[in-house]
């Protein structure tokens, strides 16, 4: 399948402005309603321009993709007019000034030996390391017990966003799937702003846009919110339903890596369920990513996966 463009031909800045304008009403700014029905939801372009203190022509050219950048003061004013959150404002700056972003290669992320050791030592805590596009770079045994036999998956399929939409086990695992899926889309949208035009990202977004209507809808809405912690209900086919708190910790070695740990209070029924899940994972022979030889995207070749068990136990 050919990869799709991450955004329309107008460009991601224009698409983001259009999506956010549609999400803000005149009433939120105390503007009077016109005597005629609005043709589009949200603010009109001239209203955004008025609120931002810029000309309607300039804002129109920005939203039509005829201007691909803007000054910080203008972007701040537009952000106030569109009632952007701090995360959305940061995303707007990234879209307007992509030249200021460092563009790394697509296969250069790897985990440090210290991070690998940390995951290996978390014996009763599911843990993962996610890369810039939410690729799963590393995991411990309990991480595999939750998400499936990650070692047996193709590297291109070992992506959290892809799994939460297209992997039946991971999708059914989420007691609050809609919230978790929207968080994943939002994180991927932030990555698209920080690393535009990367083939790996375009391929992933293209596949998900074609195969899942919810992803396609939420991607077009330009959801942008950073979540670093939360609470989830889990429905596991072996140990049943339980709750986990999760935190995403930024790696000191690589700020584009997030170490995600999932915990339950010691001595609680949820913690006891995690321990039962770990016992099951041991009996099944589920393996962590190789702690002695940290995972890299280059390290997994198709021939290394041949002969490994299929992810069919779910």
C-alpha atoms as a PDB file:
ATOM      1  CA  UNK A   1       0.000   0.000   0.000  1.00  0.00           C
ATOM      2  CA  UNK A   2       1.318   3.421  -0.920  1.00  0.00           C
ATOM      3  CA  UNK A   3       1.814   5.755   2.020  1.00  0.00           C
ATOM      4  CA  UNK A   4      -0.545   8.717   2.336  1.00  0.00           C
ATOM      5  CA  UNK A   5       0.392  12.291   3.013  1.00  0.00           C
ATOM      6  CA  UNK A   6       0.253  13.126   6.732  1.00  0.00           C
ATOM      7  CA  UNK A   7      -1.848  16.215   5.924  1.00  0.00           C
ATOM      8  CA  UNK A   8      -3.440  17.793   2.877  1.00  0.00           C
ATOM      9  CA  UNK A   9      -1.570  19.600   0.130  1.00  0.00           C
ATOM     10  CA  UNK A  10      -2.173  22.895   1.935  1.00  0.00           C
ATOM     11  CA  UNK A  11       0.228  21.822   4.644  1.00  0.00           C
ATOM     12  CA  UNK A  12      -0.070  20.809   8.323  1.00  0.00           C
ATOM     13  CA  UNK A  13      -0.109  24.418   9.596  1.00  0.00           C
ATOM     14  CA  UNK A  14      -3.120  25.290   7.439  1.00  0.00           C
ATOM     15  CA  UNK A  15      -4.920  22.083   8.392  1.00  0.00           C
ATOM     16  CA  UNK A  16      -4.317  22.648  12.100  1.00  0.00           C
ATOM     17  CA  UNK A  17      -5.658  26.220  11.969  1.00  0.00           C
ATOM     18  CA  UNK A  18      -8.758  25.072  10.092  1.00  0.00           C
ATOM     19  CA  UNK A  19      -9.465  22.257  12.546  1.00  0.00           C
ATOM     20  CA  UNK A  20      -9.011  24.415  15.644  1.00  0.00           C
ATOM     21  CA  UNK A  21     -11.098  27.303  14.214  1.00  0.00           C
ATOM     22  CA  UNK A  22     -13.988  24.877  13.709  1.00  0.00           C
ATOM     23  CA  UNK A  23     -13.759  23.866  17.388  1.00  0.00           C
ATOM     24  CA  UNK A  24     -14.176  27.402  18.834  1.00  0.00           C
ATOM     25  CA  UNK A  25     -17.549  29.143  18.933  1.00  0.00           C
ATOM     26  CA  UNK A  26     -18.308  32.838  18.785  1.00  0.00           C
ATOM     27  CA  UNK A  27     -20.105  32.544  22.117  1.00  0.00           C
ATOM     28  CA  UNK A  28     -16.847  31.495  23.814  1.00  0.00           C
ATOM     29  CA  UNK A  29     -15.444  34.937  22.905  1.00  0.00           C
ATOM     30  CA  UNK A  30     -18.683  36.804  23.590  1.00  0.00           C
ATOM     31  CA  UNK A  31     -19.097  37.716  19.933  1.00  0.00           C
ATOM     32  CA  UNK A  32     -22.615  38.517  18.693  1.00  0.00           C
ATOM     33  CA  UNK A  33     -24.243  36.002  16.418  1.00  0.00           C
ATOM     34  CA  UNK A  34     -24.889  37.248  12.865  1.00  0.00           C
ATOM     35  CA  UNK A  35     -28.508  37.597  11.667  1.00  0.00           C
ATOM     36  CA  UNK A  36     -27.922  34.798   9.149  1.00  0.00           C
ATOM     37  CA  UNK A  37     -26.997  31.143   9.764  1.00  0.00           C
ATOM     38  CA  UNK A  38     -23.304  30.263   9.878  1.00  0.00           C
ATOM     39  CA  UNK A  39     -22.153  28.219   6.908  1.00  0.00           C
ATOM     40  CA  UNK A  40     -19.393  26.468   8.878  1.00  0.00           C
ATOM     41  CA  UNK A  41     -19.020  25.431  12.524  1.00  0.00           C
ATOM     42  CA  UNK A  42     -16.889  27.556  14.774  1.00  0.00           C
ATOM     43  CA  UNK A  43     -15.428  30.979  14.120  1.00  0.00           C
ATOM     44  CA  UNK A  44     -15.235  32.641  10.721  1.00  0.00           C
ATOM     45  CA  UNK A  45     -11.811  33.620   9.413  1.00  0.00           C
ATOM     46  CA  UNK A  46     -12.526  37.326   9.797  1.00  0.00           C
ATOM     47  CA  UNK A  47     -13.459  36.747  13.448  1.00  0.00           C
ATOM     48  CA  UNK A  48     -10.163  34.970  14.139  1.00  0.00           C
ATOM     49  CA  UNK A  49      -8.286  37.791  12.437  1.00  0.00           C
ATOM     50  CA  UNK A  50     -10.185  40.407  14.448  1.00  0.00           C
ATOM     51  CA  UNK A  51      -9.534  38.612  17.733  1.00  0.00           C
ATOM     52  CA  UNK A  52      -5.834  38.189  16.875  1.00  0.00           C
ATOM     53  CA  UNK A  53      -5.408  41.772  15.698  1.00  0.00           C
ATOM     54  CA  UNK A  54      -4.193  40.833  12.216  1.00  0.00           C
ATOM     55  CA  UNK A  55      -5.659  41.372   8.758  1.00  0.00           C
ATOM     56  CA  UNK A  56      -8.249  38.961   7.437  1.00  0.00           C
ATOM     57  CA  UNK A  57      -6.240  38.613   4.232  1.00  0.00           C
ATOM     58  CA  UNK A  58      -3.095  37.519   6.095  1.00  0.00           C
ATOM     59  CA  UNK A  59      -4.949  34.995   8.252  1.00  0.00           C
ATOM     60  CA  UNK A  60      -6.755  33.644   5.177  1.00  0.00           C
ATOM     61  CA  UNK A  61      -3.454  33.120   3.384  1.00  0.00           C
ATOM     62  CA  UNK A  62      -2.114  31.280   6.451  1.00  0.00           C
ATOM     63  CA  UNK A  63      -5.115  28.970   6.557  1.00  0.00           C
ATOM     64  CA  UNK A  64      -5.049  28.369   2.815  1.00  0.00           C
ATOM     65  CA  UNK A  65      -1.402  27.316   2.969  1.00  0.00           C
ATOM     66  CA  UNK A  66      -0.176  30.284   0.911  1.00  0.00           C
ATOM     67  CA  UNK A  67       1.906  31.418   3.904  1.00  0.00           C
ATOM     68  CA  UNK A  68       3.784  28.616   5.674  1.00  0.00           C
ATOM     69  CA  UNK A  69       5.216  30.519   8.654  1.00  0.00           C
ATOM     70  CA  UNK A  70       4.483  33.439  10.983  1.00  0.00           C
ATOM     71  CA  UNK A  71       6.183  35.415  13.732  1.00  0.00           C
ATOM     72  CA  UNK A  72       5.973  34.323  17.352  1.00  0.00           C
ATOM     73  CA  UNK A  73       3.837  37.337  18.296  1.00  0.00           C
ATOM     74  CA  UNK A  74       1.334  36.565  15.533  1.00  0.00           C
ATOM     75  CA  UNK A  75       1.215  32.901  16.520  1.00  0.00           C
ATOM     76  CA  UNK A  76       0.621  33.858  20.155  1.00  0.00           C
ATOM     77  CA  UNK A  77      -2.247  36.126  19.103  1.00  0.00           C
ATOM     78  CA  UNK A  78      -3.784  33.433  16.903  1.00  0.00           C
ATOM     79  CA  UNK A  79      -3.394  30.937  19.732  1.00  0.00           C
ATOM     80  CA  UNK A  80      -5.368  33.190  22.062  1.00  0.00           C
ATOM     81  CA  UNK A  81      -8.072  33.669  19.430  1.00  0.00           C
ATOM     82  CA  UNK A  82      -8.346  29.896  18.928  1.00  0.00           C
ATOM     83  CA  UNK A  83      -8.188  29.280  22.701  1.00  0.00           C
ATOM     84  CA  UNK A  84      -5.276  26.896  22.316  1.00  0.00           C
ATOM     85  CA  UNK A  85      -3.926  24.984  25.275  1.00  0.00           C
ATOM     86  CA  UNK A  86      -0.229  25.150  26.135  1.00  0.00           C
ATOM     87  CA  UNK A  87       0.373  21.884  24.281  1.00  0.00           C
ATOM     88  CA  UNK A  88      -1.570  23.079  21.235  1.00  0.00           C
ATOM     89  CA  UNK A  89       0.310  26.387  21.219  1.00  0.00           C
ATOM     90  CA  UNK A  90       3.624  24.530  21.263  1.00  0.00           C
ATOM     91  CA  UNK A  91       2.392  22.388  18.397  1.00  0.00           C
ATOM     92  CA  UNK A  92       1.434  25.518  16.448  1.00  0.00           C
ATOM     93  CA  UNK A  93       4.971  26.914  16.836  1.00  0.00           C
ATOM     94  CA  UNK A  94       6.420  23.628  15.589  1.00  0.00           C
ATOM     95  CA  UNK A  95       4.226  23.649  12.508  1.00  0.00           C
ATOM     96  CA  UNK A  96       5.038  27.261  11.701  1.00  0.00           C
ATOM     97  CA  UNK A  97       8.815  26.862  12.146  1.00  0.00           C
ATOM     98  CA  UNK A  98       9.769  23.322  11.087  1.00  0.00           C
ATOM     99  CA  UNK A  99      13.218  24.521  10.055  1.00  0.00           C
ATOM    100  CA  UNK A 100      14.073  25.051  13.734  1.00  0.00           C
ATOM    101  CA  UNK A 101      13.539  21.377  14.520  1.00  0.00           C
ATOM    102  CA  UNK A 102      16.300  18.813  14.487  1.00  0.00           C
ATOM    103  CA  UNK A 103      15.402  16.089  11.996  1.00  0.00           C
ATOM    104  CA  UNK A 104      16.951  12.792  13.091  1.00  0.00           C
ATOM    105  CA  UNK A 105      17.267   9.733  10.950  1.00  0.00           C
ATOM    106  CA  UNK A 106      14.504   7.170  11.107  1.00  0.00           C
ATOM    107  CA  UNK A 107      16.504   4.222  12.450  1.00  0.00           C
ATOM    108  CA  UNK A 108      18.723   5.865  15.035  1.00  0.00           C
ATOM    109  CA  UNK A 109      16.748   5.328  18.234  1.00  0.00           C
ATOM    110  CA  UNK A 110      18.007   2.760  20.719  1.00  0.00           C
ATOM    111  CA  UNK A 111      17.794   2.321  24.443  1.00  0.00           C
ATOM    112  CA  UNK A 112      20.760   2.674  26.749  1.00  0.00           C
ATOM    113  CA  UNK A 113      22.101  -0.276  28.797  1.00  0.00           C
ATOM    114  CA  UNK A 114      20.914   1.516  31.931  1.00  0.00           C
ATOM    115  CA  UNK A 115      17.360   1.728  30.592  1.00  0.00           C
ATOM    116  CA  UNK A 116      17.450  -1.948  29.596  1.00  0.00           C
ATOM    117  CA  UNK A 117      18.615  -2.846  33.101  1.00  0.00           C
ATOM    118  CA  UNK A 118      15.840  -0.731  34.632  1.00  0.00           C
ATOM    119  CA  UNK A 119      13.187  -2.613  32.671  1.00  0.00           C
ATOM    120  CA  UNK A 120      14.694  -5.976  33.567  1.00  0.00           C
ATOM    121  CA  UNK A 121      14.674  -5.069  37.280  1.00  0.00           C
ATOM    122  CA  UNK A 122      10.985  -4.086  37.294  1.00  0.00           C
ATOM    123  CA  UNK A 123       9.814  -7.586  38.174  1.00  0.00           C
ATOM    124  CA  UNK A 124       6.241  -6.775  39.254  1.00  0.00           C
ATOM    125  CA  UNK A 125       5.645  -3.659  37.135  1.00  0.00           C
ATOM    126  CA  UNK A 126       4.712  -3.760  33.434  1.00  0.00           C
ATOM    127  CA  UNK A 127       7.032  -1.396  31.569  1.00  0.00           C
ATOM    128  CA  UNK A 128       7.733  -0.289  27.987  1.00  0.00           C
ATOM    129  CA  UNK A 129       9.979   2.174  26.194  1.00  0.00           C
ATOM    130  CA  UNK A 130       8.226   4.106  23.428  1.00  0.00           C
ATOM    131  CA  UNK A 131      10.042   5.946  20.643  1.00  0.00           C
ATOM    132  CA  UNK A 132       9.192   9.180  18.846  1.00  0.00           C
ATOM    133  CA  UNK A 133       6.349   7.618  16.826  1.00  0.00           C
ATOM    134  CA  UNK A 134       5.241   5.404  19.741  1.00  0.00           C
ATOM    135  CA  UNK A 135       7.149   2.431  18.370  1.00  0.00           C
ATOM    136  CA  UNK A 136       7.757  -0.028  21.214  1.00  0.00           C
ATOM    137  CA  UNK A 137      11.550  -0.021  21.517  1.00  0.00           C
ATOM    138  CA  UNK A 138      11.830  -2.239  24.599  1.00  0.00           C
ATOM    139  CA  UNK A 139       9.690  -4.059  27.147  1.00  0.00           C
ATOM    140  CA  UNK A 140       9.907  -6.293  30.200  1.00  0.00           C
ATOM    141  CA  UNK A 141       8.144  -9.637  30.626  1.00  0.00           C
ATOM    142  CA  UNK A 142       5.029  -8.085  32.181  1.00  0.00           C
ATOM    143  CA  UNK A 143       4.847  -5.615  29.307  1.00  0.00           C
ATOM    144  CA  UNK A 144       4.632  -8.584  26.945  1.00  0.00           C
ATOM    145  CA  UNK A 145       2.118 -10.276  29.255  1.00  0.00           C
ATOM    146  CA  UNK A 146      -0.172  -7.270  28.830  1.00  0.00           C
ATOM    147  CA  UNK A 147       0.260  -6.411  25.151  1.00  0.00           C
ATOM    148  CA  UNK A 148       1.050  -9.817  23.655  1.00  0.00           C
ATOM    149  CA  UNK A 149       4.165 -11.649  22.506  1.00  0.00           C
ATOM    150  CA  UNK A 150       6.009  -8.550  21.321  1.00  0.00           C
ATOM    151  CA  UNK A 151       9.150 -10.501  20.418  1.00  0.00           C
ATOM    152  CA  UNK A 152       7.177 -12.475  17.827  1.00  0.00           C
ATOM    153  CA  UNK A 153       5.708  -9.409  16.103  1.00  0.00           C
ATOM    154  CA  UNK A 154       7.084  -7.813  12.970  1.00  0.00           C
ATOM    155  CA  UNK A 155       8.998  -4.645  13.911  1.00  0.00           C
ATOM    156  CA  UNK A 156       6.694  -2.447  11.814  1.00  0.00           C
ATOM    157  CA  UNK A 157       3.697  -3.821  13.738  1.00  0.00           C
ATOM    158  CA  UNK A 158       5.307  -3.221  17.126  1.00  0.00           C
ATOM    159  CA  UNK A 159       3.834   0.252  17.419  1.00  0.00           C
ATOM    160  CA  UNK A 160       1.481   1.237  20.243  1.00  0.00           C
ATOM    161  CA  UNK A 161      -0.796   3.429  18.105  1.00  0.00           C
ATOM    162  CA  UNK A 162      -1.112   0.760  15.436  1.00  0.00           C
ATOM    163  CA  UNK A 163      -1.783  -1.918  18.034  1.00  0.00           C
ATOM    164  CA  UNK A 164      -4.475   0.006  19.893  1.00  0.00           C
ATOM    165  CA  UNK A 165      -6.417   0.407  16.642  1.00  0.00           C
ATOM    166  CA  UNK A 166      -5.607  -2.747  14.658  1.00  0.00           C
ATOM    167  CA  UNK A 167      -4.553  -5.414  17.169  1.00  0.00           C
ATOM    168  CA  UNK A 168      -7.642  -7.212  18.473  1.00  0.00           C
ATOM    169  CA  UNK A 169      -6.058  -8.184  21.799  1.00  0.00           C
ATOM    170  CA  UNK A 170      -4.738  -4.702  22.624  1.00  0.00           C
ATOM    171  CA  UNK A 171      -7.998  -3.083  21.575  1.00  0.00           C
ATOM    172  CA  UNK A 172     -10.070  -5.428  23.764  1.00  0.00           C
ATOM    173  CA  UNK A 173      -7.599  -4.955  26.626  1.00  0.00           C
ATOM    174  CA  UNK A 174      -8.649  -1.335  27.125  1.00  0.00           C
ATOM    175  CA  UNK A 175     -11.565  -0.869  29.491  1.00  0.00           C
ATOM    176  CA  UNK A 176     -11.561   2.775  28.383  1.00  0.00           C
ATOM    177  CA  UNK A 177     -10.525   2.282  24.761  1.00  0.00           C
ATOM    178  CA  UNK A 178     -11.811   5.576  23.366  1.00  0.00           C
ATOM    179  CA  UNK A 179      -9.824   7.685  25.852  1.00  0.00           C
ATOM    180  CA  UNK A 180      -6.640   5.649  25.397  1.00  0.00           C
ATOM    181  CA  UNK A 181      -6.984   5.686  21.596  1.00  0.00           C
ATOM    182  CA  UNK A 182      -7.495   9.451  21.473  1.00  0.00           C
ATOM    183  CA  UNK A 183      -4.428   9.941  23.690  1.00  0.00           C
ATOM    184  CA  UNK A 184      -2.426   7.818  21.258  1.00  0.00           C
ATOM    185  CA  UNK A 185      -3.634   9.849  18.262  1.00  0.00           C
ATOM    186  CA  UNK A 186      -2.767  13.065  20.101  1.00  0.00           C
ATOM    187  CA  UNK A 187       0.767  11.853  20.853  1.00  0.00           C
ATOM    188  CA  UNK A 188       1.262  10.857  17.225  1.00  0.00           C
ATOM    189  CA  UNK A 189      -0.033  14.238  16.065  1.00  0.00           C
ATOM    190  CA  UNK A 190       2.565  15.939  18.290  1.00  0.00           C
ATOM    191  CA  UNK A 191       5.241  13.762  16.688  1.00  0.00           C
ATOM    192  CA  UNK A 192       4.017  14.800  13.243  1.00  0.00           C
ATOM    193  CA  UNK A 193       4.465  18.440  14.210  1.00  0.00           C
ATOM    194  CA  UNK A 194       7.970  17.873  15.535  1.00  0.00           C
ATOM    195  CA  UNK A 195       9.091  15.638  12.640  1.00  0.00           C
ATOM    196  CA  UNK A 196       7.195  16.527   9.477  1.00  0.00           C
ATOM    197  CA  UNK A 197       7.675  14.648   6.212  1.00  0.00           C
ATOM    198  CA  UNK A 198       9.225  11.529   7.747  1.00  0.00           C
ATOM    199  CA  UNK A 199       8.411   8.468   5.590  1.00  0.00           C
ATOM    200  CA  UNK A 200       7.985   6.187   8.614  1.00  0.00           C
ATOM    201  CA  UNK A 201       5.342   8.507  10.069  1.00  0.00           C
ATOM    202  CA  UNK A 202       3.554   8.955   6.744  1.00  0.00           C
ATOM    203  CA  UNK A 203       3.399   5.201   6.253  1.00  0.00           C
ATOM    204  CA  UNK A 204       1.910   4.654   9.719  1.00  0.00           C
ATOM    205  CA  UNK A 205      -0.662   7.444   9.418  1.00  0.00           C
ATOM    206  CA  UNK A 206      -1.561   6.314   5.914  1.00  0.00           C
ATOM    207  CA  UNK A 207      -2.223   2.740   6.968  1.00  0.00           C
ATOM    208  CA  UNK A 208      -4.304   3.734   9.994  1.00  0.00           C
ATOM    209  CA  UNK A 209      -6.285   6.309   8.010  1.00  0.00           C
ATOM    210  CA  UNK A 210      -7.238   3.686   5.449  1.00  0.00           C
ATOM    211  CA  UNK A 211      -8.024   0.892   7.890  1.00  0.00           C
ATOM    212  CA  UNK A 212      -9.771   2.644  10.809  1.00  0.00           C
ATOM    213  CA  UNK A 213     -12.546   5.236  10.597  1.00  0.00           C
ATOM    214  CA  UNK A 214     -12.080   6.456  14.195  1.00  0.00           C
ATOM    215  CA  UNK A 215      -8.386   7.129  13.594  1.00  0.00           C
ATOM    216  CA  UNK A 216      -9.178   8.962  10.356  1.00  0.00           C
ATOM    217  CA  UNK A 217     -11.750  11.161  12.116  1.00  0.00           C
ATOM    218  CA  UNK A 218      -9.596  11.988  15.137  1.00  0.00           C
ATOM    219  CA  UNK A 219      -6.502  12.613  13.023  1.00  0.00           C
ATOM    220  CA  UNK A 220      -8.457  15.163  10.970  1.00  0.00           C
ATOM    221  CA  UNK A 221      -9.530  16.907  14.197  1.00  0.00           C
ATOM    222  CA  UNK A 222      -5.860  17.617  15.071  1.00  0.00           C
ATOM    223  CA  UNK A 223      -6.131  16.390  18.654  1.00  0.00           C
ATOM    224  CA  UNK A 224      -3.132  17.766  20.534  1.00  0.00           C
ATOM    225  CA  UNK A 225      -2.808  17.121  24.268  1.00  0.00           C
ATOM    226  CA  UNK A 226       0.146  15.672  26.168  1.00  0.00           C
ATOM    227  CA  UNK A 227      -0.700  13.100  28.836  1.00  0.00           C
ATOM    228  CA  UNK A 228       2.127  12.015  31.147  1.00  0.00           C
ATOM    229  CA  UNK A 229       0.080   9.999  33.645  1.00  0.00           C
ATOM    230  CA  UNK A 230      -3.331   8.447  33.971  1.00  0.00           C
ATOM    231  CA  UNK A 231      -5.499   5.581  35.204  1.00  0.00           C
ATOM    232  CA  UNK A 232      -6.710   2.640  33.128  1.00  0.00           C
ATOM    233  CA  UNK A 233      -9.063  -0.288  33.465  1.00  0.00           C
ATOM    234  CA  UNK A 234      -7.598  -3.431  31.924  1.00  0.00           C
ATOM    235  CA  UNK A 235      -9.549  -6.474  30.715  1.00  0.00           C
ATOM    236  CA  UNK A 236      -7.075  -9.297  30.343  1.00  0.00           C
ATOM    237  CA  UNK A 237      -8.244 -12.626  28.878  1.00  0.00           C
ATOM    238  CA  UNK A 238      -6.279 -14.640  31.473  1.00  0.00           C
ATOM    239  CA  UNK A 239      -6.502 -12.760  34.796  1.00  0.00           C
ATOM    240  CA  UNK A 240      -9.646 -10.716  34.223  1.00  0.00           C
ATOM    241  CA  UNK A 241     -10.338  -7.040  34.894  1.00  0.00           C
ATOM    242  CA  UNK A 242      -8.112  -4.842  37.065  1.00  0.00           C
ATOM    243  CA  UNK A 243      -6.856  -1.257  37.325  1.00  0.00           C
ATOM    244  CA  UNK A 244      -3.453   0.272  36.699  1.00  0.00           C
ATOM    245  CA  UNK A 245      -1.957   3.723  37.106  1.00  0.00           C
ATOM    246  CA  UNK A 246       0.465   4.662  34.341  1.00  0.00           C
ATOM    247  CA  UNK A 247       3.238   7.226  34.038  1.00  0.00           C
ATOM    248  CA  UNK A 248       5.329   8.236  31.037  1.00  0.00           C
ATOM    249  CA  UNK A 249       8.842   9.244  32.141  1.00  0.00           C
ATOM    250  CA  UNK A 250      11.162  11.018  29.735  1.00  0.00           C
ATOM    251  CA  UNK A 251      14.500   9.288  29.220  1.00  0.00           C
ATOM    252  CA  UNK A 252      17.505  11.401  30.182  1.00  0.00           C
ATOM    253  CA  UNK A 253      19.564   9.811  27.408  1.00  0.00           C
ATOM    254  CA  UNK A 254      17.010  10.504  24.662  1.00  0.00           C
ATOM    255  CA  UNK A 255      14.218  13.000  25.351  1.00  0.00           C
ATOM    256  CA  UNK A 256      12.186  11.465  22.513  1.00  0.00           C
ATOM    257  CA  UNK A 257      11.920   8.198  24.416  1.00  0.00           C
ATOM    258  CA  UNK A 258       9.267   7.650  27.068  1.00  0.00           C
ATOM    259  CA  UNK A 259       9.600   4.970  29.736  1.00  0.00           C
ATOM    260  CA  UNK A 260       6.017   3.928  30.496  1.00  0.00           C
ATOM    261  CA  UNK A 261       5.447   2.128  33.799  1.00  0.00           C
ATOM    262  CA  UNK A 262       2.123   0.706  34.973  1.00  0.00           C
ATOM    263  CA  UNK A 263       1.638   0.251  38.716  1.00  0.00           C
ATOM    264  CA  UNK A 264      -0.876  -0.710  41.376  1.00  0.00           C
ATOM    265  CA  UNK A 265      -0.670  -0.071  45.152  1.00  0.00           C
ATOM    266  CA  UNK A 266       1.328  -2.738  46.987  1.00  0.00           C
ATOM    267  CA  UNK A 267      -0.904  -5.277  48.675  1.00  0.00           C
ATOM    268  CA  UNK A 268      -3.985  -4.255  46.706  1.00  0.00           C
ATOM    269  CA  UNK A 269      -6.102  -6.761  44.743  1.00  0.00           C
ATOM    270  CA  UNK A 270      -4.858  -5.103  41.547  1.00  0.00           C
ATOM    271  CA  UNK A 271      -1.234  -5.693  42.578  1.00  0.00           C
ATOM    272  CA  UNK A 272      -1.987  -9.316  43.352  1.00  0.00           C
ATOM    273  CA  UNK A 273      -3.511  -9.624  39.871  1.00  0.00           C
ATOM    274  CA  UNK A 274      -0.263  -8.306  38.363  1.00  0.00           C
ATOM    275  CA  UNK A 275       1.675 -10.967  40.261  1.00  0.00           C
ATOM    276  CA  UNK A 276      -0.657 -13.672  38.959  1.00  0.00           C
ATOM    277  CA  UNK A 277      -0.179 -12.290  35.456  1.00  0.00           C
ATOM    278  CA  UNK A 278       3.593 -12.486  35.891  1.00  0.00           C
ATOM    279  CA  UNK A 279       3.361 -16.117  36.992  1.00  0.00           C
ATOM    280  CA  UNK A 280       1.324 -16.912  33.899  1.00  0.00           C
ATOM    281  CA  UNK A 281       3.839 -15.069  31.679  1.00  0.00           C
ATOM    282  CA  UNK A 282       6.692 -17.135  33.139  1.00  0.00           C
ATOM    283  CA  UNK A 283       4.850 -20.386  32.434  1.00  0.00           C
ATOM    284  CA  UNK A 284       4.130 -19.246  28.880  1.00  0.00           C
ATOM    285  CA  UNK A 285       7.787 -18.396  28.324  1.00  0.00           C
ATOM    286  CA  UNK A 286       7.126 -14.773  27.359  1.00  0.00           C
ATOM    287  CA  UNK A 287      10.384 -12.892  26.958  1.00  0.00           C
ATOM    288  CA  UNK A 288      11.453  -9.286  27.563  1.00  0.00           C
ATOM    289  CA  UNK A 289      13.371  -7.435  24.887  1.00  0.00           C
ATOM    290  CA  UNK A 290      17.043  -8.403  25.108  1.00  0.00           C
ATOM    291  CA  UNK A 291      18.449  -6.539  28.129  1.00  0.00           C
ATOM    292  CA  UNK A 292      22.039  -7.552  27.404  1.00  0.00           C
ATOM    293  CA  UNK A 293      21.762  -6.278  23.818  1.00  0.00           C
ATOM    294  CA  UNK A 294      19.418  -3.284  23.882  1.00  0.00           C
ATOM    295  CA  UNK A 295      16.745  -3.172  21.229  1.00  0.00           C
ATOM    296  CA  UNK A 296      17.287  -1.043  18.167  1.00  0.00           C
ATOM    297  CA  UNK A 297      15.208  -0.814  15.065  1.00  0.00           C
ATOM    298  CA  UNK A 298      18.176  -2.142  13.069  1.00  0.00           C
ATOM    299  CA  UNK A 299      18.598  -5.160  15.340  1.00  0.00           C
ATOM    300  CA  UNK A 300      15.505  -7.057  14.247  1.00  0.00           C
ATOM    301  CA  UNK A 301      15.671  -8.680  10.816  1.00  0.00           C
ATOM    302  CA  UNK A 302      12.956 -10.794   9.286  1.00  0.00           C
ATOM    303  CA  UNK A 303      15.095 -13.920   9.424  1.00  0.00           C
ATOM    304  CA  UNK A 304      15.540 -13.469  13.185  1.00  0.00           C
ATOM    305  CA  UNK A 305      11.792 -13.687  13.598  1.00  0.00           C
ATOM    306  CA  UNK A 306      11.401 -16.894  11.596  1.00  0.00           C
ATOM    307  CA  UNK A 307      10.748 -19.922  13.745  1.00  0.00           C
ATOM    308  CA  UNK A 308       9.497 -17.900  16.703  1.00  0.00           C
ATOM    309  CA  UNK A 309       6.049 -18.696  18.029  1.00  0.00           C
ATOM    310  CA  UNK A 310       3.127 -16.818  16.535  1.00  0.00           C
ATOM    311  CA  UNK A 311       1.149 -14.412  18.615  1.00  0.00           C
ATOM    312  CA  UNK A 312      -1.887 -16.695  18.651  1.00  0.00           C
ATOM    313  CA  UNK A 313      -2.380 -17.446  22.326  1.00  0.00           C
ATOM    314  CA  UNK A 314      -4.687 -14.459  22.669  1.00  0.00           C
END
